[in-house]
């Protein structure tokens, strides 16, 4: 399978200048725990990703103002990505290695075209046993590097 066969197409995203409150509102509306960050709505050039945990740890726990703290100040820059034509197994292996539960999908110009989350793997791949194996693969820590 390719990443394009599993990804959620044209996912919601926020822009660099959006606030933590904006990002949280999108997450609530979309019922997701992470939002890609693009340079602009026009270009859809992926520049980062922000999670609900980022908002909790870097804004709320630091008693920041969610209405004025821009996502550019606490997002993960240059997140792990894949391409639509990539083999899904390679994307899953990268997700496991870097312990991420979602991976943005970008085109050759770096524009956001989709996202793959564990739920996408679970609901869009054939076979119950295979689904459980894929989700487990993403969730378990990668083995430590050989010394």
Protein backbone atom coordinates (compact mmCIF):
# COMPACT_ATOMS: atom_id res chain seq x y z
CA UNK A 1 0.00 0.00 0.00
CA UNK A 2 1.06 3.59 -0.56
CA UNK A 3 0.70 6.50 1.84
CA UNK A 4 -1.87 8.05 -0.53
CA UNK A 5 -4.16 5.05 -0.05
CA UNK A 6 -4.30 5.54 3.73
CA UNK A 7 -3.86 9.27 4.32
CA UNK A 8 -6.58 11.74 5.20
CA UNK A 9 -6.59 14.08 2.22
CA UNK A 10 -6.41 17.87 2.64
CA UNK A 11 -6.28 17.90 6.44
CA UNK A 12 -7.10 20.96 8.48
CA UNK A 13 -4.06 23.09 9.32
CA UNK A 14 -3.11 26.38 10.88
CA UNK A 15 -0.69 29.12 9.86
CA UNK A 16 2.43 30.39 11.61
CA UNK A 17 0.63 33.49 12.89
CA UNK A 18 -2.30 31.56 14.38
CA UNK A 19 -2.48 31.41 18.15
CA UNK A 20 -2.52 28.43 20.48
CA UNK A 21 -6.24 29.12 20.98
CA UNK A 22 -6.78 29.03 17.21
CA UNK A 23 -4.95 25.71 16.94
CA UNK A 24 -6.90 24.27 19.88
CA UNK A 25 -10.15 25.37 18.26
CA UNK A 26 -9.24 23.60 15.02
CA UNK A 27 -8.27 20.47 16.97
CA UNK A 28 -11.61 20.53 18.76
CA UNK A 29 -13.61 21.09 15.56
CA UNK A 30 -11.73 18.34 13.71
CA UNK A 31 -11.54 16.01 16.75
CA UNK A 32 -7.77 15.56 16.34
CA UNK A 33 -4.76 15.89 18.62
CA UNK A 34 -2.35 17.50 16.16
CA UNK A 35 -2.50 20.12 13.45
CA UNK A 36 0.06 20.70 10.71
CA UNK A 37 1.35 24.27 10.44
CA UNK A 38 1.73 25.81 6.99
CA UNK A 39 3.48 29.02 5.96
CA UNK A 40 0.21 30.27 4.43
CA UNK A 41 -3.20 29.09 3.27
CA UNK A 42 -2.21 29.86 -0.31
CA UNK A 43 1.05 27.89 -0.46
CA UNK A 44 0.18 25.11 2.03
CA UNK A 45 3.96 24.80 2.52
CA UNK A 46 4.44 22.66 5.62
CA UNK A 47 6.69 24.29 8.21
CA UNK A 48 5.74 22.49 11.41
CA UNK A 49 3.23 20.59 13.49
CA UNK A 50 1.59 21.41 16.81
CA UNK A 51 -0.04 18.95 19.19
CA UNK A 52 -2.49 19.29 22.03
CA UNK A 53 0.38 18.29 24.32
CA UNK A 54 2.50 21.17 22.95
CA UNK A 55 -0.26 23.60 23.90
CA UNK A 56 -0.56 22.07 27.37
CA UNK A 57 3.19 21.97 28.07
CA UNK A 58 4.48 25.10 26.33
CA UNK A 59 1.55 27.47 26.80
CA UNK A 60 -0.84 26.41 29.57
CA UNK A 61 1.74 24.98 32.01
CA UNK A 62 3.86 28.10 31.58
CA UNK A 63 0.81 30.25 32.27
CA UNK A 64 1.04 31.71 28.78
CA UNK A 65 -1.80 33.49 27.04
CA UNK A 66 -3.29 31.06 24.51
CA UNK A 67 -5.00 33.96 22.74
CA UNK A 68 -1.71 35.72 22.04
CA UNK A 69 0.93 32.97 21.85
CA UNK A 70 1.55 32.14 18.20
CA UNK A 71 2.06 28.51 17.17
CA UNK A 72 5.37 29.55 15.58
CA UNK A 73 6.71 29.96 19.14
CA UNK A 74 6.17 26.36 20.25
CA UNK A 75 5.52 24.11 17.24
CA UNK A 76 7.83 21.33 16.15
CA UNK A 77 9.65 22.67 13.11
CA UNK A 78 10.46 20.53 10.06
CA UNK A 79 8.45 17.51 11.18
CA UNK A 80 8.93 14.02 9.84
CA UNK A 81 7.04 13.70 6.54
CA UNK A 82 6.35 11.26 3.75
CA UNK A 83 5.18 11.50 0.15
CA UNK A 84 1.89 10.17 -1.26
CA UNK A 85 3.72 7.61 -3.41
CA UNK A 86 5.86 6.28 -0.53
CA UNK A 87 5.34 2.73 0.65
CA UNK A 88 3.17 2.73 3.78
CA UNK A 89 5.48 0.27 5.55
CA UNK A 90 8.37 2.73 5.24
CA UNK A 91 6.23 5.52 6.72
CA UNK A 92 5.18 3.25 9.59
CA UNK A 93 8.80 2.29 10.24
CA UNK A 94 9.74 5.99 10.40
CA UNK A 95 6.81 6.67 12.75
CA UNK A 96 8.04 3.90 15.04
CA UNK A 97 11.67 5.00 14.90
CA UNK A 98 10.83 8.61 15.79
CA UNK A 99 7.91 7.70 18.08
CA UNK A 100 5.32 9.88 16.34
CA UNK A 101 1.67 8.95 16.07
CA UNK A 102 1.01 10.93 12.91
CA UNK A 103 2.96 11.94 9.84
CA UNK A 104 2.14 14.77 7.41
CA UNK A 105 2.15 13.87 3.72
CA UNK A 106 3.70 16.44 1.38
CA UNK A 107 4.15 16.74 -2.38
CA UNK A 108 7.50 17.32 -4.10
CA UNK A 109 7.28 21.07 -3.34
CA UNK A 110 6.70 20.45 0.38
CA UNK A 111 3.00 21.36 0.23
CA UNK A 112 0.68 19.61 2.67
CA UNK A 113 -1.57 17.15 0.84
CA UNK A 114 -2.52 14.75 3.64
CA UNK A 115 -1.77 13.26 7.02
CA UNK A 116 -1.54 9.71 8.30
CA UNK A 117 -2.53 9.02 11.90
CA UNK A 118 -2.81 5.74 13.76
CA UNK A 119 -6.58 5.86 13.26
CA UNK A 120 -6.07 6.05 9.48
CA UNK A 121 -3.92 2.93 9.61
CA UNK A 122 -6.48 1.14 11.76
CA UNK A 123 -9.49 2.03 9.61
CA UNK A 124 -8.06 2.04 6.08
CA UNK A 125 -5.92 -1.05 5.91
CA UNK A 126 -7.21 -4.58 5.29
CA UNK A 127 -7.29 -7.31 7.92
CA UNK A 128 -7.83 -6.97 11.66
CA UNK A 129 -4.60 -8.75 12.53
CA UNK A 130 -2.61 -6.57 10.14
CA UNK A 131 -4.18 -3.40 11.61
CA UNK A 132 -3.27 -4.37 15.15
CA UNK A 133 0.27 -5.16 14.03
CA UNK A 134 0.65 -1.76 12.32
CA UNK A 135 -0.67 0.23 15.28
CA UNK A 136 1.52 -1.80 17.65
CA UNK A 137 4.52 -1.14 15.39
CA UNK A 138 3.99 2.62 15.66
CA UNK A 139 3.38 2.55 19.41
CA UNK A 140 6.29 0.45 20.62
CA UNK A 141 9.65 2.08 21.16
CA UNK A 142 12.32 1.40 18.58
CA UNK A 143 15.16 -0.80 19.82
CA UNK A 144 18.18 1.11 21.10
CA UNK A 145 21.03 1.54 18.62
CA UNK A 146 23.75 -1.10 18.75
CA UNK A 147 26.75 -0.04 20.76
